[in-house]
């Protein structure tokens, strides 16, 4: 009986040490998650709303668009919106003092708008001018402003406090404030949203586990990677 009791005590001791090791490993992760996402109780309902809207409205439309649109036309539409986005890239290159990148994005804008028929054909990439991807949130990060807590915005999806505020000046670098004809503006915006959603369909295969956590971690690490121009340890 004493030997059995000693055996159980030994097992309990091992279990206690194992639990302590697990707790020591998990606590930093939990603390980091709490620091990045202190508004999770608010964010999750917004995420569920966005996800439901996407599942029953946006995703089916994107799948239909991809099914009926010839690949060359889909690529051309995608290139047009990327060409428009190069205006914002160029502006934020300059704001961050990236002279070389500004030259590349400026050249892309000129060549694709002219020889590429308003960007329908990405001739600049064929010339070796690789596109940069900058926005005002990255500019603020380059200036030293922290991202702030993770934030899920209704209809717009994942963001942070910094990136949410940066969407306002970024909006003025797009075409929509300058399109006075309301139907044209709405159709252009709708096509842009559908094109963007269609381009993300293949990425859904990578999602595992809790969808909210997966998207949050992917967004935050991608933003850190882009703000620091890739000079991070990518453990995602």
Foldseek 3Di string as FASTA:
>chain_A
DVVVVVVVVVVVVVVVVVVVVVCVVVVVVVVVCCQQAVPVVVAVVLVVVLVVCCVPPQVVVLVVCVVPDPPLQLLLLVQLVVLLQLLQVLVLCVLLVVVVLNVLSVVQNVCCVPVVVNRSDRVSVVVVSDHAHDFVLLSVVSVPDDQAHWHQDRPPGTGGPSRVVRVVVRVVSGCLVVDPPVVVSVVSVVVVSSSVSSVCPVVVVPDDDDNVVRVHVVVVLVSVCNSVVNPDDDPD
